[in-house]
Amino acid sequence: MANIEIYTWSTCPFCRRAKQLLDQKGATYTEYQIDGDEAARDQMVARGTNGRRSVPQIFINDQHIGGSDDLYALERQGALDKLLGSTEVLV
C-alpha cells in the first residue's frame, strides 16, 4: 500500500476535496494540518518540486503529486488507483 501524506488547512475547500477523493478510494493517509504554522509550511515547500506554498500538497511514496487538481487529474487519467495501490514512484 502506498505511503500518502497530505498537507492541509482546516478551512480549505480544496483540501477537503482531495481528502474526499482519497477517502472514496479507501486510501489511508497522514494529514499534516498546518494552519498558521509557517515552519511546517516551509517544510512542505522544501519537500515539493515546484515551490508551491498553497494547500493541499500531496505526496505519495515521497513523490510530490501537487494539489487537489493534480490528484483529480491522475484520477481522470486512470493513474491514481495504480499509484495508490503501489509502493512504486511514478516515472
N, C-alpha and C. Protein backbone atom coordinates (compact mmCIF):
# COMPACT_ATOMS: atom_id res chain seq x y z
N MET A 1 0.84 -1.19 0.00
CA MET A 1 0.00 0.00 0.00
C MET A 1 0.89 1.24 0.00
N ALA A 2 0.43 2.25 -0.67
CA ALA A 2 1.20 3.49 -0.82
C ALA A 2 1.26 4.28 0.49
N ASN A 3 2.35 5.02 0.65
CA ASN A 3 2.50 5.95 1.76
C ASN A 3 2.02 7.32 1.27
N ILE A 4 0.91 7.81 1.82
CA ILE A 4 0.30 9.05 1.36
C ILE A 4 0.36 10.08 2.47
N GLU A 5 0.84 11.27 2.13
CA GLU A 5 0.89 12.38 3.08
C GLU A 5 0.24 13.58 2.42
N ILE A 6 -0.56 14.33 3.20
CA ILE A 6 -1.24 15.49 2.66
C ILE A 6 -1.14 16.64 3.66
N TYR A 7 -0.67 17.78 3.18
CA TYR A 7 -0.59 18.99 3.99
C TYR A 7 -1.86 19.79 3.74
N THR A 8 -2.55 20.21 4.82
CA THR A 8 -3.84 20.87 4.69
C THR A 8 -3.98 22.05 5.63
N TRP A 9 -5.03 22.84 5.39
CA TRP A 9 -5.55 23.83 6.33
C TRP A 9 -6.96 23.38 6.65
N SER A 10 -7.42 23.60 7.86
CA SER A 10 -8.73 23.10 8.30
C SER A 10 -9.89 23.72 7.52
N THR A 11 -9.75 24.94 7.01
CA THR A 11 -10.85 25.61 6.33
C THR A 11 -10.74 25.57 4.81
N CYS A 12 -9.80 24.83 4.28
CA CYS A 12 -9.52 24.81 2.84
C CYS A 12 -10.47 23.86 2.10
N PRO A 13 -11.29 24.40 1.18
CA PRO A 13 -12.21 23.53 0.43
C PRO A 13 -11.48 22.57 -0.51
N PHE A 14 -10.34 22.98 -1.05
CA PHE A 14 -9.57 22.09 -1.93
C PHE A 14 -8.96 20.93 -1.15
N CYS A 15 -8.60 21.20 0.11
CA CYS A 15 -8.09 20.14 0.98
C CYS A 15 -9.18 19.11 1.24
N ARG A 16 -10.36 19.59 1.55
CA ARG A 16 -11.49 18.68 1.79
C ARG A 16 -11.79 17.85 0.55
N ARG A 17 -11.72 18.49 -0.62
CA ARG A 17 -11.99 17.79 -1.87
C ARG A 17 -10.95 16.69 -2.12
N ALA A 18 -9.70 16.98 -1.89
CA ALA A 18 -8.64 15.98 -2.08
C ALA A 18 -8.81 14.82 -1.11
N LYS A 19 -9.09 15.15 0.16
CA LYS A 19 -9.27 14.08 1.16
C LYS A 19 -10.51 13.25 0.83
N GLN A 20 -11.54 13.90 0.28
CA GLN A 20 -12.75 13.16 -0.08
C GLN A 20 -12.45 12.12 -1.16
N LEU A 21 -11.65 12.48 -2.15
CA LEU A 21 -11.28 11.52 -3.19
C LEU A 21 -10.46 10.38 -2.60
N LEU A 22 -9.50 10.71 -1.75
CA LEU A 22 -8.70 9.66 -1.12
C LEU A 22 -9.57 8.75 -0.27
N ASP A 23 -10.52 9.34 0.46
CA ASP A 23 -11.44 8.54 1.27
C ASP A 23 -12.29 7.62 0.40
N GLN A 24 -12.78 8.14 -0.72
CA GLN A 24 -13.58 7.33 -1.64
C GLN A 24 -12.79 6.15 -2.17
N LYS A 25 -11.49 6.35 -2.31
CA LYS A 25 -10.61 5.28 -2.79
C LYS A 25 -10.21 4.30 -1.68
N GLY A 26 -10.61 4.60 -0.45
CA GLY A 26 -10.24 3.75 0.67
C GLY A 26 -8.79 3.89 1.07
N ALA A 27 -8.17 5.00 0.66
CA ALA A 27 -6.75 5.21 0.94
C ALA A 27 -6.55 5.68 2.38
N THR A 28 -5.50 5.21 2.97
CA THR A 28 -5.08 5.68 4.30
C THR A 28 -3.98 6.70 4.09
N TYR A 29 -4.08 7.84 4.79
CA TYR A 29 -3.10 8.89 4.60
C TYR A 29 -2.79 9.57 5.92
N THR A 30 -1.64 10.20 5.96
CA THR A 30 -1.24 11.01 7.09
C THR A 30 -1.51 12.45 6.72
N GLU A 31 -2.27 13.14 7.57
CA GLU A 31 -2.61 14.53 7.32
C GLU A 31 -1.80 15.43 8.25
N TYR A 32 -1.18 16.44 7.66
CA TYR A 32 -0.47 17.45 8.44
C TYR A 32 -1.27 18.74 8.31
N GLN A 33 -2.01 19.07 9.33
CA GLN A 33 -2.80 20.30 9.33
C GLN A 33 -1.90 21.44 9.78
N ILE A 34 -1.59 22.34 8.86
CA ILE A 34 -0.53 23.32 9.11
C ILE A 34 -1.08 24.74 9.25
N ASP A 35 -2.32 24.89 9.67
CA ASP A 35 -2.94 26.21 9.84
C ASP A 35 -2.01 27.16 10.59
N GLY A 36 -1.53 28.19 9.91
CA GLY A 36 -0.73 29.22 10.55
C GLY A 36 0.66 28.80 11.00
N ASP A 37 1.08 27.59 10.69
CA ASP A 37 2.39 27.09 11.13
C ASP A 37 3.39 27.28 9.98
N GLU A 38 4.07 28.41 10.00
CA GLU A 38 4.99 28.74 8.89
C GLU A 38 6.16 27.77 8.80
N ALA A 39 6.63 27.25 9.92
CA ALA A 39 7.73 26.27 9.89
C ALA A 39 7.28 25.01 9.16
N ALA A 40 6.07 24.56 9.44
CA ALA A 40 5.53 23.37 8.77
C ALA A 40 5.31 23.66 7.28
N ARG A 41 4.84 24.86 6.96
CA ARG A 41 4.65 25.23 5.56
C ARG A 41 5.99 25.25 4.83
N ASP A 42 7.02 25.78 5.48
CA ASP A 42 8.35 25.80 4.88
C ASP A 42 8.85 24.38 4.61
N GLN A 43 8.56 23.47 5.54
CA GLN A 43 8.95 22.07 5.36
C GLN A 43 8.23 21.47 4.15
N MET A 44 6.93 21.77 4.03
CA MET A 44 6.14 21.29 2.90
C MET A 44 6.73 21.80 1.59
N VAL A 45 7.06 23.09 1.54
CA VAL A 45 7.62 23.70 0.33
C VAL A 45 8.95 23.05 -0.02
N ALA A 46 9.77 22.80 0.97
CA ALA A 46 11.09 22.19 0.75
C ALA A 46 10.95 20.78 0.18
N ARG A 47 9.91 20.07 0.56
CA ARG A 47 9.71 18.71 0.06
C ARG A 47 9.21 18.69 -1.37
N GLY A 48 8.50 19.74 -1.76
CA GLY A 48 7.88 19.78 -3.08
C GLY A 48 8.89 20.01 -4.19
N THR A 49 8.40 19.92 -5.41
CA THR A 49 9.27 20.05 -6.56
C THR A 49 9.15 21.39 -7.26
N ASN A 50 8.20 22.21 -6.84
CA ASN A 50 7.97 23.44 -7.59
C ASN A 50 7.77 24.68 -6.71
N GLY A 51 8.08 24.57 -5.42
CA GLY A 51 7.99 25.73 -4.53
C GLY A 51 6.58 26.17 -4.18
N ARG A 52 5.60 25.33 -4.41
CA ARG A 52 4.22 25.70 -4.11
C ARG A 52 4.01 25.88 -2.62
N ARG A 53 3.36 26.98 -2.27
CA ARG A 53 3.03 27.25 -0.87
C ARG A 53 1.54 27.04 -0.60
N SER A 54 0.78 26.74 -1.63
CA SER A 54 -0.66 26.54 -1.47
C SER A 54 -0.94 25.14 -0.90
N VAL A 55 -2.10 25.01 -0.32
CA VAL A 55 -2.55 23.71 0.18
C VAL A 55 -3.80 23.30 -0.58
N PRO A 56 -4.04 22.00 -0.70
CA PRO A 56 -3.21 20.92 -0.16
C PRO A 56 -1.98 20.68 -1.04
N GLN A 57 -1.01 20.06 -0.44
CA GLN A 57 0.11 19.49 -1.18
C GLN A 57 0.15 18.02 -0.80
N ILE A 58 0.20 17.18 -1.80
CA ILE A 58 0.05 15.74 -1.62
C ILE A 58 1.33 15.04 -2.07
N PHE A 59 1.74 14.09 -1.25
CA PHE A 59 2.93 13.27 -1.54
C PHE A 59 2.51 11.81 -1.47
N ILE A 60 2.86 11.05 -2.49
CA ILE A 60 2.59 9.61 -2.50
C ILE A 60 3.94 8.92 -2.69
N ASN A 61 4.27 8.07 -1.73
CA ASN A 61 5.57 7.38 -1.73
C ASN A 61 6.72 8.40 -1.86
N ASP A 62 6.61 9.48 -1.12
CA ASP A 62 7.60 10.56 -1.08
C ASP A 62 7.74 11.31 -2.39
N GLN A 63 6.86 11.06 -3.34
CA GLN A 63 6.85 11.80 -4.60
C GLN A 63 5.82 12.92 -4.50
N HIS A 64 6.21 14.11 -4.87
CA HIS A 64 5.30 15.25 -4.83
C HIS A 64 4.29 15.13 -5.98
N ILE A 65 3.02 14.99 -5.62
CA ILE A 65 1.95 14.89 -6.61
C ILE A 65 1.45 16.28 -6.98
N GLY A 66 1.36 17.16 -5.99
CA GLY A 66 0.84 18.51 -6.20
C GLY A 66 -0.41 18.72 -5.37
N GLY A 67 -1.34 19.48 -5.89
CA GLY A 67 -2.54 19.83 -5.15
C GLY A 67 -3.74 18.99 -5.54
N SER A 68 -4.91 19.48 -5.16
CA SER A 68 -6.16 18.78 -5.42
C SER A 68 -6.39 18.57 -6.91
N ASP A 69 -6.19 19.61 -7.71
CA ASP A 69 -6.39 19.48 -9.16
C ASP A 69 -5.47 18.43 -9.76
N ASP A 70 -4.25 18.35 -9.26
CA ASP A 70 -3.30 17.35 -9.75
C ASP A 70 -3.75 15.94 -9.39
N LEU A 71 -4.29 15.79 -8.18
CA LEU A 71 -4.79 14.49 -7.74
C LEU A 71 -5.96 14.05 -8.61
N TYR A 72 -6.89 14.97 -8.87
CA TYR A 72 -8.04 14.65 -9.72
C TYR A 72 -7.62 14.39 -11.16
N ALA A 73 -6.57 15.04 -11.63
CA ALA A 73 -6.06 14.78 -12.98
C ALA A 73 -5.54 13.34 -13.07
N LEU A 74 -4.85 12.88 -12.04
CA LEU A 74 -4.39 11.48 -12.01
C LEU A 74 -5.58 10.54 -12.06
N GLU A 75 -6.64 10.89 -11.35
CA GLU A 75 -7.86 10.06 -11.35
C GLU A 75 -8.46 10.01 -12.76
N ARG A 76 -8.58 11.15 -13.42
CA ARG A 76 -9.14 11.19 -14.78
C ARG A 76 -8.29 10.39 -15.77
N GLN A 77 -6.99 10.38 -15.56
CA GLN A 77 -6.07 9.65 -16.45
C GLN A 77 -6.05 8.15 -16.15
N GLY A 78 -6.70 7.74 -15.07
CA GLY A 78 -6.70 6.33 -14.70
C GLY A 78 -5.43 5.90 -13.99
N ALA A 79 -4.61 6.85 -13.55
CA ALA A 79 -3.33 6.52 -12.94
C ALA A 79 -3.38 6.49 -11.42
N LEU A 80 -4.42 7.05 -10.81
CA LEU A 80 -4.43 7.18 -9.36
C LEU A 80 -4.55 5.83 -8.66
N ASP A 81 -5.44 4.97 -9.12
CA ASP A 81 -5.62 3.67 -8.46
C ASP A 81 -4.32 2.88 -8.43
N LYS A 82 -3.61 2.87 -9.54
CA LYS A 82 -2.34 2.14 -9.59
C LYS A 82 -1.35 2.75 -8.59
N LEU A 83 -1.29 4.07 -8.55
CA LEU A 83 -0.36 4.74 -7.66
C LEU A 83 -0.72 4.49 -6.19
N LEU A 84 -1.99 4.50 -5.88
CA LEU A 84 -2.43 4.28 -4.50
C LEU A 84 -2.19 2.85 -4.03
N GLY A 85 -2.21 1.92 -4.95
CA GLY A 85 -2.03 0.52 -4.58
C GLY A 85 -0.61 0.05 -4.67
N SER A 86 0.30 0.98 -4.89
CA SER A 86 1.68 0.63 -5.16
C SER A 86 2.62 1.27 -4.16
N THR A 87 3.79 0.72 -4.07
CA THR A 87 4.85 1.35 -3.30
C THR A 87 5.87 1.97 -4.23
N GLU A 88 5.56 1.95 -5.54
CA GLU A 88 6.47 2.50 -6.55
C GLU A 88 6.23 3.98 -6.75
N VAL A 89 7.19 4.63 -7.34
CA VAL A 89 7.11 6.05 -7.67
C VAL A 89 6.78 6.18 -9.15
N LEU A 90 5.92 7.14 -9.49
CA LEU A 90 5.62 7.43 -10.90
C LEU A 90 6.89 7.82 -11.63
N VAL A 91 7.00 7.40 -12.87
CA VAL A 91 8.15 7.78 -13.68
C VAL A 91 7.71 8.76 -14.73
